[in-house]
């Protein structure tokens, strides 16, 4: 049985003199609308799975925002939730705590700003890449292009001041005029710059692609995360910007891929596809749908990613060089009409199932997984090395234990709170959450029992 379905839509939207059924539009952008599927595939612990069946229908953007009061007792830690900032745009995307207590914030259509320790904020940082406020909102979800996505300070930020910003760049003509709705063309791009007196300066392009790869597909499925390793590389996640399945298995396109460059934008000499004719030299792995989270585990030297499936099929993957993660050839989920995921037939792609990497954690039925961290802080020592995983529709924060390549345990830390778009570790090891809500997003933090305010 399916726990959620979308009603049929017959209306049409005019697009540059043509028309497109909303049904087709939503199929194109379904990469960001994770809903539940029927199979459990032995994924999460049974108590965690039982909680998923009570998720609200739709996006949960307008579900009651319910922060627990007092102390929260979990298996390995006791903590309280503290509010850091309120009144943010409903469609915020990323936070990045800085060593001095400030927090970098991106809001998709408002841009980059800074939250001060007292909860006050700057206006949008002047000179940062432009954003677009065009688009439509349906069921609380925003369909548009030209957004600010992930923001992350360089690992040596204290010395070099570099801040990396993943955004969707509008095509040349689109910067000059506002097209109808959101059907301008855009594509993921990574830049870096510095902030001085609330101005973005010294911008450099670190990763981008030719404008022939720019598309009108909404940024909802763009991926948009950034991660650094310990060897001077930066990784960029790109989702279904070419369509729900188009180009993802094609190594000549940037869609559905993890890309790897040096932190100055140079192509590493040991990238897995370097020198192969007709293949983008920045490719690290491929076959990804909507890679919502991206983290490097310094102890093991492994790159990890969280990824949304269609109906079911949310995953946590160990992202190995040159490997194929299966979309749109296979999935533990199903299509929105209940049919199996097997686009290989339509695309004319033959493959050996043994060549497809399987998820380390299969989160079917899907909570609409978003971002995650691998915790290494001081505030919660019992959580070190564990994955703290956020979700959107389930509005839940999970603790997941992975040993080697095996998922051994899951726990709900906080459930039924709000859509958790992002989370990061801040000074002192406190865990910061970015909560999305129709009434305004907010930032909260997990502080251990006994910690000073």
Protein backbone atom coordinates (compact mmCIF):
# COMPACT_ATOMS: atom_id res chain seq x y z
CA UNK A 1 0.00 0.00 0.00
CA UNK A 2 1.05 3.60 -0.47
CA UNK A 3 0.74 6.06 2.37
CA UNK A 4 0.65 9.15 0.16
CA UNK A 5 -0.36 9.96 -3.36
CA UNK A 6 -0.60 13.09 -5.44
CA UNK A 7 -3.92 14.11 -7.01
CA UNK A 8 -4.07 14.45 -10.76
CA UNK A 9 -3.61 17.93 -12.13
CA UNK A 10 -4.97 19.08 -15.46
CA UNK A 11 -4.18 22.78 -15.49
CA UNK A 12 -1.47 24.09 -17.75
CA UNK A 13 1.18 26.79 -17.44
CA UNK A 14 2.26 28.92 -20.36
CA UNK A 15 5.98 28.58 -21.01
CA UNK A 16 7.57 30.87 -23.57
CA UNK A 17 4.53 30.69 -25.86
CA UNK A 18 3.94 26.95 -25.36
CA UNK A 19 2.14 25.03 -22.66
CA UNK A 20 3.22 22.39 -20.16
CA UNK A 21 0.83 20.30 -18.03
CA UNK A 22 1.45 20.75 -14.32
CA UNK A 23 1.38 16.95 -14.08
CA UNK A 24 4.46 16.79 -16.32
CA UNK A 25 6.09 19.63 -14.42
CA UNK A 26 5.71 17.79 -11.15
CA UNK A 27 7.05 14.59 -12.69
CA UNK A 28 10.11 16.50 -13.81
CA UNK A 29 10.69 17.96 -10.36
CA UNK A 30 9.67 14.90 -8.37
CA UNK A 31 13.31 14.44 -7.41
CA UNK A 32 12.69 16.67 -4.43
CA UNK A 33 9.31 15.31 -3.33
CA UNK A 34 10.13 12.18 -1.39
CA UNK A 35 7.11 10.18 -0.22
CA UNK A 36 6.53 6.78 1.28
CA UNK A 37 6.71 3.42 -0.45
CA UNK A 38 5.44 0.01 0.54
CA UNK A 39 8.60 -1.99 1.13
CA UNK A 40 10.85 -1.81 4.17
CA UNK A 41 13.80 -3.77 2.73
CA UNK A 42 15.13 -4.27 6.27
CA UNK A 43 16.17 -0.63 6.36
CA UNK A 44 15.76 1.19 9.66
CA UNK A 45 15.21 -0.35 13.06
CA UNK A 46 11.60 -1.42 13.52
CA UNK A 47 10.77 1.33 16.04
CA UNK A 48 12.06 3.94 13.63
CA UNK A 49 10.06 2.43 10.76
CA UNK A 50 6.86 2.47 12.79
CA UNK A 51 7.27 6.21 13.32
CA UNK A 52 7.41 6.82 9.56
CA UNK A 53 3.84 5.60 9.05
CA UNK A 54 2.51 8.59 11.00
CA UNK A 55 4.04 11.24 8.77
CA UNK A 56 1.69 14.00 7.60
CA UNK A 57 0.64 14.10 3.99
CA UNK A 58 2.23 16.61 1.65
CA UNK A 59 5.43 18.51 2.29
CA UNK A 60 4.74 19.17 6.02
CA UNK A 61 5.77 22.81 5.53
CA UNK A 62 2.62 23.89 7.37
CA UNK A 63 2.55 21.08 9.95
CA UNK A 64 2.57 22.39 13.52
CA UNK A 65 6.06 23.43 14.57
CA UNK A 66 6.59 21.54 17.80
CA UNK A 67 9.85 22.08 19.69
CA UNK A 68 10.22 19.89 22.77
CA UNK A 69 10.35 21.76 26.06
CA UNK A 70 12.75 20.84 28.81
CA UNK A 71 15.28 18.04 28.57
CA UNK A 72 15.22 15.39 25.86
CA UNK A 73 16.48 12.00 27.02
CA UNK A 74 17.95 9.66 24.40
CA UNK A 75 19.91 6.43 24.53
CA UNK A 76 23.33 8.05 24.89
CA UNK A 77 22.75 11.72 25.71
CA UNK A 78 20.44 14.20 27.40
CA UNK A 79 20.03 17.59 25.75
CA UNK A 80 17.74 20.58 25.38
CA UNK A 81 16.85 22.60 22.30
CA UNK A 82 17.75 26.29 22.32
CA UNK A 83 16.43 28.79 19.78
CA UNK A 84 19.20 30.76 18.09
CA UNK A 85 17.36 32.76 15.39
CA UNK A 86 13.77 33.10 14.16
CA UNK A 87 11.91 34.89 11.39
CA UNK A 88 14.01 33.51 8.54
CA UNK A 89 12.67 32.98 5.04
CA UNK A 90 10.49 29.83 4.87
CA UNK A 91 12.80 28.45 2.17
CA UNK A 92 16.18 28.66 3.88
CA UNK A 93 18.75 26.09 2.73
CA UNK A 94 22.06 26.03 4.58
CA UNK A 95 23.87 27.10 7.75
CA UNK A 96 27.59 27.19 8.51
CA UNK A 97 28.69 28.12 12.04
CA UNK A 98 31.91 30.13 12.15
CA UNK A 99 34.59 29.93 14.88
CA UNK A 100 33.60 33.35 16.32
CA UNK A 101 29.99 32.30 16.97
CA UNK A 102 28.44 33.85 13.86
CA UNK A 103 26.52 31.66 11.44
CA UNK A 104 26.50 31.88 7.65
CA UNK A 105 22.98 31.41 6.28
CA UNK A 106 21.65 30.89 2.78
CA UNK A 107 18.01 31.43 1.86
CA UNK A 108 17.20 30.16 -1.60
CA UNK A 109 15.65 33.33 -3.00
CA UNK A 110 17.04 35.90 -0.56
CA UNK A 111 20.72 35.05 -0.72
CA UNK A 112 23.61 34.90 1.74
CA UNK A 113 23.56 36.61 5.15
CA UNK A 114 25.14 36.33 8.60
CA UNK A 115 23.44 35.51 11.90
CA UNK A 116 25.12 37.14 14.90
CA UNK A 117 25.42 35.35 18.27
CA UNK A 118 22.54 37.42 19.67
CA UNK A 119 20.22 36.19 16.89
CA UNK A 120 20.28 39.41 14.88
CA UNK A 121 21.25 39.25 11.23
CA UNK A 122 22.74 41.24 8.43
CA UNK A 123 20.88 41.99 5.24
CA UNK A 124 21.83 40.00 2.16
CA UNK A 125 25.59 40.19 1.61
CA UNK A 126 26.20 42.71 -1.16
CA UNK A 127 28.12 41.50 -4.19
CA UNK A 128 27.32 37.81 -3.71
CA UNK A 129 25.94 35.90 -6.73
CA UNK A 130 22.46 37.09 -7.64
CA UNK A 131 19.30 35.17 -6.78
CA UNK A 132 15.90 35.03 -8.43
CA UNK A 133 12.55 35.21 -6.66
CA UNK A 134 10.59 33.89 -9.64
CA UNK A 135 8.76 30.59 -9.44
CA UNK A 136 5.68 29.02 -7.93
CA UNK A 137 4.97 27.43 -4.57
CA UNK A 138 2.82 24.31 -4.39
CA UNK A 139 2.11 22.32 -1.23
CA UNK A 140 4.73 24.43 0.51
CA UNK A 141 7.45 23.44 -1.97
CA UNK A 142 9.18 26.07 -4.07
CA UNK A 143 9.71 25.53 -7.80
CA UNK A 144 12.17 28.08 -9.13
CA UNK A 145 15.71 28.65 -10.39
CA UNK A 146 18.59 30.92 -9.48
CA UNK A 147 18.96 29.93 -5.82
CA UNK A 148 21.64 30.02 -3.16
CA UNK A 149 22.24 26.51 -1.87
CA UNK A 150 25.08 25.24 0.35
CA UNK A 151 27.58 27.53 2.03
CA UNK A 152 30.75 26.31 3.73
CA UNK A 153 33.91 27.92 5.09
CA UNK A 154 37.22 26.51 3.87
CA UNK A 155 38.81 24.10 6.39
CA UNK A 156 41.53 26.76 6.87
CA UNK A 157 39.03 29.61 7.02
CA UNK A 158 40.69 31.16 10.08
CA UNK A 159 43.85 31.66 8.00
CA UNK A 160 42.53 32.34 4.48
CA UNK A 161 38.97 33.65 4.96
CA UNK A 162 37.58 31.71 1.98
CA UNK A 163 33.86 30.95 1.94
CA UNK A 164 32.47 28.52 -0.66
CA UNK A 165 28.99 29.12 -2.03
CA UNK A 166 27.09 26.56 -4.12
CA UNK A 167 24.37 28.28 -6.12
CA UNK A 168 22.43 27.84 -9.35
CA UNK A 169 23.71 30.30 -11.88
CA UNK A 170 21.24 31.85 -14.33
CA UNK A 171 22.15 31.79 -18.02
CA UNK A 172 23.52 34.98 -19.52
CA UNK A 173 20.24 36.28 -20.94
CA UNK A 174 18.41 35.32 -17.75
CA UNK A 175 20.52 37.73 -15.69
CA UNK A 176 19.32 40.61 -17.86
CA UNK A 177 15.59 40.04 -17.78
CA UNK A 178 12.97 38.22 -15.77
CA UNK A 179 11.29 35.46 -17.71
CA UNK A 180 7.80 34.24 -16.97
CA UNK A 181 7.55 32.14 -13.80
CA UNK A 182 10.71 30.11 -13.26
CA UNK A 183 11.48 28.80 -16.71
CA UNK A 184 14.75 30.64 -17.05
CA UNK A 185 17.71 28.30 -17.44
CA UNK A 186 20.11 27.67 -14.57
CA UNK A 187 22.82 25.26 -13.50
CA UNK A 188 24.81 24.43 -10.39
CA UNK A 189 27.98 26.45 -9.87
CA UNK A 190 30.52 26.65 -7.02
CA UNK A 191 32.27 29.91 -6.27
CA UNK A 192 34.39 31.14 -3.40
CA UNK A 193 34.86 34.60 -1.97
CA UNK A 194 35.50 36.49 1.23
CA UNK A 195 33.20 38.66 3.30
CA UNK A 196 34.51 42.04 4.36
CA UNK A 197 32.25 44.60 6.02
CA UNK A 198 29.20 42.65 4.85
CA UNK A 199 30.37 42.65 1.24
CA UNK A 200 31.31 39.65 -0.93
CA UNK A 201 34.74 40.22 -2.44
CA UNK A 202 37.52 38.33 -4.26
CA UNK A 203 35.10 35.95 -5.99
CA UNK A 204 36.58 33.04 -7.94
CA UNK A 205 34.71 30.35 -9.87
CA UNK A 206 35.73 26.93 -8.55
CA UNK A 207 33.45 24.63 -10.55
CA UNK A 208 31.02 25.34 -13.37
CA UNK A 209 29.94 23.97 -16.75
CA UNK A 210 29.25 25.33 -20.20
CA UNK A 211 25.90 27.10 -20.63
CA UNK A 212 24.78 24.34 -23.02
CA UNK A 213 24.14 22.30 -19.86
CA UNK A 214 21.90 24.95 -18.28
CA UNK A 215 18.26 23.83 -18.10
CA UNK A 216 14.85 25.17 -17.04
CA UNK A 217 14.31 22.29 -14.61
CA UNK A 218 13.59 23.68 -11.12
CA UNK A 219 16.34 23.79 -8.53
CA UNK A 220 14.28 21.69 -6.15
CA UNK A 221 16.22 18.61 -7.30
CA UNK A 222 19.57 20.33 -7.86
CA UNK A 223 21.37 18.69 -4.93
CA UNK A 224 23.61 21.60 -4.09
CA UNK A 225 25.92 20.40 -1.31
CA UNK A 226 29.66 20.90 -0.74
CA UNK A 227 32.23 18.86 1.21
CA UNK A 228 35.98 19.14 1.80
CA UNK A 229 38.41 16.29 2.41
CA UNK A 230 41.75 16.50 4.21
CA UNK A 231 43.84 16.54 1.01
CA UNK A 232 42.77 19.87 -0.46
CA UNK A 233 39.81 18.64 -2.53
CA UNK A 234 36.26 19.95 -2.62
CA UNK A 235 33.27 17.84 -3.70
CA UNK A 236 30.10 19.17 -5.34
CA UNK A 237 26.77 17.34 -5.54
CA UNK A 238 24.53 17.84 -8.58
CA UNK A 239 21.05 16.32 -8.82
CA UNK A 240 18.43 16.03 -11.53
CA UNK A 241 19.01 19.35 -13.27
CA UNK A 242 18.67 17.59 -16.63
CA UNK A 243 15.34 15.98 -15.74
CA UNK A 244 14.39 13.09 -13.50
CA UNK A 245 16.43 10.60 -15.50
CA UNK A 246 17.94 12.38 -18.51
CA UNK A 247 21.75 12.46 -18.63
CA UNK A 248 22.37 10.90 -15.25
CA UNK A 249 24.04 7.77 -16.68
CA UNK A 250 25.76 9.82 -19.40
CA UNK A 251 29.31 10.63 -18.27
CA UNK A 252 29.44 13.56 -20.71
CA UNK A 253 26.87 15.52 -18.67
CA UNK A 254 27.10 17.02 -15.16
CA UNK A 255 23.68 15.77 -13.97
CA UNK A 256 23.26 13.20 -11.21
CA UNK A 257 26.94 13.28 -10.34
CA UNK A 258 29.38 14.04 -7.55
CA UNK A 259 32.19 16.23 -8.86
CA UNK A 260 35.68 16.59 -7.35
CA UNK A 261 38.14 19.44 -7.88
CA UNK A 262 41.00 21.00 -5.96
CA UNK A 263 39.95 23.76 -3.59
CA UNK A 264 41.21 26.28 -6.17
CA UNK A 265 39.21 24.66 -8.98
CA UNK A 266 42.01 22.65 -10.59
CA UNK A 267 41.24 19.10 -11.74
CA UNK A 268 43.01 16.50 -9.56
CA UNK A 269 45.40 14.21 -11.44
CA UNK A 270 43.87 11.12 -9.81
CA UNK A 271 40.21 11.75 -10.65
CA UNK A 272 38.71 8.42 -11.76
CA UNK A 273 37.69 9.45 -15.29
CA UNK A 274 40.49 11.90 -16.09
CA UNK A 275 41.75 11.52 -19.66
CA UNK A 276 38.79 9.46 -20.81
CA UNK A 277 37.41 10.90 -24.03
CA UNK A 278 33.93 12.41 -23.80
CA UNK A 279 33.79 12.31 -20.00
CA UNK A 280 33.74 15.32 -17.68
CA UNK A 281 37.11 15.31 -15.90
CA UNK A 282 35.61 16.47 -12.60
CA UNK A 283 33.40 13.37 -12.18
CA UNK A 284 33.85 11.38 -8.99
CA UNK A 285 30.72 9.16 -8.95
CA UNK A 286 27.46 8.99 -10.90
CA UNK A 287 23.95 7.55 -10.94
CA UNK A 288 22.65 9.91 -8.24
CA UNK A 289 19.12 11.29 -8.03
CA UNK A 290 18.89 14.11 -5.48
CA UNK A 291 22.06 14.11 -3.32
CA UNK A 292 20.85 16.13 -0.34
CA UNK A 293 23.83 15.60 1.97
CA UNK A 294 27.59 15.29 1.48
CA UNK A 295 30.20 14.71 4.18
CA UNK A 296 33.81 13.55 4.38
CA UNK A 297 34.77 11.18 7.21
CA UNK A 298 38.30 12.16 8.16
CA UNK A 299 39.03 9.05 10.22
CA UNK A 300 38.30 6.59 7.43
CA UNK A 301 38.98 8.86 4.46
CA UNK A 302 35.53 8.06 3.06
CA UNK A 303 33.10 10.37 1.32
CA UNK A 304 29.44 9.83 2.26
CA UNK A 305 26.21 11.08 0.76
CA UNK A 306 22.50 11.08 1.55
CA UNK A 307 20.11 10.85 -1.36
CA UNK A 308 16.37 11.12 -1.93
CA UNK A 309 14.62 8.39 -3.85
CA UNK A 310 11.20 8.69 -5.52
CA UNK A 311 8.47 6.89 -3.51
CA UNK A 312 10.85 5.17 -1.14
CA UNK A 313 14.51 4.63 -1.91
CA UNK A 314 16.10 7.24 0.38
CA UNK A 315 19.71 6.21 0.93
CA UNK A 316 22.99 6.83 2.71
CA UNK A 317 25.91 5.83 0.48
CA UNK A 318 29.65 5.46 0.73
CA UNK A 319 30.64 7.41 -2.39
CA UNK A 320 33.56 5.61 -4.01
CA UNK A 321 35.58 6.91 -6.94
CA UNK A 322 34.18 5.98 -10.34
CA UNK A 323 31.22 3.99 -9.01
CA UNK A 324 27.65 3.90 -10.33
CA UNK A 325 24.86 4.36 -7.75
CA UNK A 326 22.09 3.22 -10.00
CA UNK A 327 19.64 6.01 -10.75
CA UNK A 328 17.56 5.80 -12.93
CA UNK A 329 18.29 2.14 -13.69
CA UNK A 330 17.30 0.73 -10.28
CA UNK A 331 16.02 1.94 -6.91
CA UNK A 332 14.71 0.52 -3.66
CA UNK A 333 11.77 2.85 -4.22
CA UNK A 334 9.21 2.97 -7.02
CA UNK A 335 7.99 5.65 -9.40
CA UNK A 336 5.17 7.94 -8.31
CA UNK A 337 2.68 5.88 -10.30
CA UNK A 338 3.79 2.72 -8.46
CA UNK A 339 5.74 1.27 -11.39
CA UNK A 340 9.28 -0.07 -10.88
CA UNK A 341 12.30 2.13 -11.56
CA UNK A 342 13.82 0.64 -14.73
CA UNK A 343 14.54 3.51 -17.10
CA UNK A 344 17.38 1.52 -18.62
CA UNK A 345 14.88 0.08 -21.09
CA UNK A 346 13.71 3.53 -22.19
CA UNK A 347 17.26 4.86 -22.38
CA UNK A 348 18.64 1.79 -24.14
CA UNK A 349 21.16 1.11 -21.37
CA UNK A 350 22.18 -2.46 -20.63
CA UNK A 351 23.90 -3.05 -17.31
CA UNK A 352 24.97 -5.71 -14.87
CA UNK A 353 23.13 -5.25 -11.54
CA UNK A 354 26.30 -6.36 -9.76
CA UNK A 355 27.99 -3.19 -11.04
CA UNK A 356 25.52 -0.97 -9.15
CA UNK A 357 26.60 0.19 -5.69
CA UNK A 358 24.06 -0.62 -3.00
CA UNK A 359 23.26 1.79 -0.16
CA UNK A 360 24.85 1.25 3.22
CA UNK A 361 21.60 2.50 4.77
CA UNK A 362 18.32 1.99 2.91
CA UNK A 363 15.78 4.36 4.46
CA UNK A 364 12.72 2.95 2.68
CA UNK A 365 9.95 3.90 3.50
CA UNK A 366 11.48 7.28 2.87
CA UNK A 367 11.43 10.09 5.46
CA UNK A 368 12.57 12.55 2.74
CA UNK A 369 16.17 12.51 3.90
CA UNK A 370 18.01 15.81 3.75
CA UNK A 371 21.44 16.69 5.10
CA UNK A 372 23.58 14.95 7.74
CA UNK A 373 26.80 15.24 9.72
CA UNK A 374 29.29 12.70 11.02
CA UNK A 375 29.60 13.93 14.58
CA UNK A 376 33.08 14.51 16.01
CA UNK A 377 32.39 17.19 18.63
CA UNK A 378 33.02 17.50 22.34
CA UNK A 379 29.51 18.21 23.61
CA UNK A 380 28.18 14.68 22.94
CA UNK A 381 31.18 12.32 23.20
CA UNK A 382 29.02 9.18 23.02
CA UNK A 383 27.88 10.24 19.53
CA UNK A 384 31.37 10.54 18.04
CA UNK A 385 31.60 8.78 14.71
CA UNK A 386 27.82 8.47 14.44
CA UNK A 387 25.70 9.91 11.64
CA UNK A 388 23.15 12.53 12.64
CA UNK A 389 20.67 12.52 9.77
CA UNK A 390 17.94 15.09 9.13
CA UNK A 391 14.65 14.61 7.30
CA UNK A 392 11.99 16.80 5.74
CA UNK A 393 8.60 15.08 5.62
CA UNK A 394 9.28 12.97 8.69
CA UNK A 395 10.44 16.14 10.55
CA UNK A 396 12.83 13.94 12.49
CA UNK A 397 16.50 13.87 13.49
CA UNK A 398 18.04 10.39 13.49
CA UNK A 399 21.22 8.97 14.97
CA UNK A 400 22.55 6.20 12.76
CA UNK A 401 25.48 3.94 13.59
CA UNK A 402 27.55 2.51 10.73
CA UNK A 403 30.39 0.09 11.37
CA UNK A 404 32.58 -0.34 8.32
CA UNK A 405 30.04 -0.83 5.54
CA UNK A 406 27.24 -2.08 7.79
CA UNK A 407 24.31 -0.21 9.29
CA UNK A 408 23.97 -1.53 12.85
CA UNK A 409 21.60 0.80 14.71
CA UNK A 410 19.21 3.74 14.36
CA UNK A 411 17.61 5.99 16.96
CA UNK A 412 15.16 8.88 16.79
CA UNK A 413 16.72 11.81 18.66
CA UNK A 414 13.88 14.30 18.07
CA UNK A 415 10.72 13.48 16.13
CA UNK A 416 7.74 15.39 14.73
CA UNK A 417 9.42 18.77 15.17
CA UNK A 418 9.73 20.53 11.78
CA UNK A 419 11.31 19.96 8.39
CA UNK A 420 15.07 19.88 9.06
CA UNK A 421 16.80 21.26 5.99
CA UNK A 422 20.37 21.37 7.30
CA UNK A 423 22.50 20.63 10.35
CA UNK A 424 26.06 21.43 11.32
CA UNK A 425 28.42 21.17 14.28
CA UNK A 426 29.30 24.53 15.84
CA UNK A 427 31.81 25.77 18.40
CA UNK A 428 32.01 23.54 21.44
CA UNK A 429 30.45 20.64 19.56
CA UNK A 430 26.89 21.96 19.78
CA UNK A 431 24.63 20.71 16.98
CA UNK A 432 22.80 23.39 15.00
CA UNK A 433 19.61 22.63 13.04
CA UNK A 434 17.99 24.72 10.31
CA UNK A 435 14.23 24.20 10.52
CA UNK A 436 11.98 25.00 7.57
CA UNK A 437 8.46 26.19 8.20
CA UNK A 438 5.77 28.07 6.31
CA UNK A 439 5.56 30.65 9.10
CA UNK A 440 9.31 31.32 8.92
CA UNK A 441 12.39 29.17 9.26
CA UNK A 442 14.51 29.19 12.39
CA UNK A 443 17.84 27.96 13.74
CA UNK A 444 17.96 25.89 16.93
CA UNK A 445 20.76 24.01 18.62
CA UNK A 446 21.16 20.89 20.71
CA UNK A 447 22.99 21.66 23.95
CA UNK A 448 23.85 18.94 26.48
CA UNK A 449 22.27 18.95 29.92
CA UNK A 450 24.34 21.22 32.13
CA UNK A 451 25.81 23.34 29.31
CA UNK A 452 25.82 27.10 29.76
CA UNK A 453 23.35 29.10 27.65
